[in-house]
Protein backbone atom coordinates (compact mmCIF):
# COMPACT_ATOMS: atom_id res chain seq x y z
CA UNK A 1 99.85 -2.11 107.15
CA UNK A 2 101.95 -0.69 104.30
CA UNK A 3 105.11 -2.59 103.47
CA UNK A 4 108.08 -0.98 101.87
CA UNK A 5 110.96 -2.38 99.85
CA UNK A 6 114.03 -0.16 99.93
CA UNK A 7 116.78 -0.46 97.35
CA UNK A 8 119.78 1.81 97.68
CA UNK A 9 121.43 3.39 94.69
CA UNK A 10 124.72 2.01 93.52
CA UNK A 11 127.55 4.30 94.53
CA UNK A 12 129.65 3.57 91.46
CA UNK A 13 128.34 4.46 88.02
CA UNK A 14 129.40 2.50 84.97
CA UNK A 15 132.97 3.37 84.07
CA UNK A 16 133.83 4.86 87.46
CA UNK A 17 136.22 1.99 88.16
CA UNK A 18 138.79 3.74 86.00
CA UNK A 19 138.08 1.62 82.94
CA UNK A 20 136.05 2.23 79.80
CA UNK A 21 134.99 -0.28 77.18
CA UNK A 22 136.04 0.46 73.60
CA UNK A 23 135.68 -1.38 70.34
CA UNK A 24 138.55 -1.40 67.87
CA UNK A 25 138.83 -2.85 64.40
CA UNK A 26 142.24 -4.29 63.58
CA UNK A 27 143.89 -6.46 60.99
CA UNK A 28 143.97 -10.20 61.52
CA UNK A 29 147.78 -10.13 61.49
CA UNK A 30 147.83 -7.62 64.34
CA UNK A 31 145.37 -9.72 66.31
CA UNK A 32 147.52 -12.81 65.75
CA UNK A 33 150.60 -10.95 67.03
CA UNK A 34 148.65 -9.84 70.11
CA UNK A 35 147.50 -13.39 70.71
CA UNK A 36 151.08 -14.66 70.41
CA UNK A 37 152.26 -12.08 72.96
CA UNK A 38 149.38 -13.05 75.20
CA UNK A 39 150.39 -16.72 75.18
CA UNK A 40 154.11 -15.96 75.60
CA UNK A 41 153.54 -13.66 78.57
CA UNK A 42 150.67 -15.61 80.16
CA UNK A 43 148.53 -12.46 80.11
CA UNK A 44 145.11 -11.79 78.65
CA UNK A 45 144.84 -10.08 75.28
CA UNK A 46 143.19 -7.14 77.04
CA UNK A 47 146.10 -6.80 79.45
CA UNK A 48 148.65 -6.97 76.63
CA UNK A 49 146.79 -4.29 74.65
CA UNK A 50 146.63 -2.00 77.71
CA UNK A 51 150.35 -2.46 78.46
CA UNK A 52 151.28 -1.69 74.85
CA UNK A 53 149.03 1.37 74.69
CA UNK A 54 150.40 2.77 77.95
CA UNK A 55 153.95 2.35 76.67
CA UNK A 56 153.13 3.90 73.30
CA UNK A 57 151.43 6.91 74.90
CA UNK A 58 154.64 7.63 76.81
CA UNK A 59 156.67 7.53 73.59
CA UNK A 60 154.46 9.49 71.20
CA UNK A 61 155.37 12.97 70.00
CA UNK A 62 153.29 15.19 67.80
CA UNK A 63 155.00 16.36 64.64
CA UNK A 64 154.69 20.05 63.78
CA UNK A 65 152.46 20.96 60.86
CA UNK A 66 154.27 21.37 57.56
């Protein structure tokens, strides 16, 4: 008698949760400021970075070429 093991495919591919992983190089001073904000707000560094980026994206304007 033939036995069969069935494994279903995952419905969500990597990154389909609305998040992507990125790697960023930054100065130690910037990292220290982020860590300070993280402690002061009781949020993770990742959460602080995402909040700051979202705010900055809403404020940015593109300067016309000279």
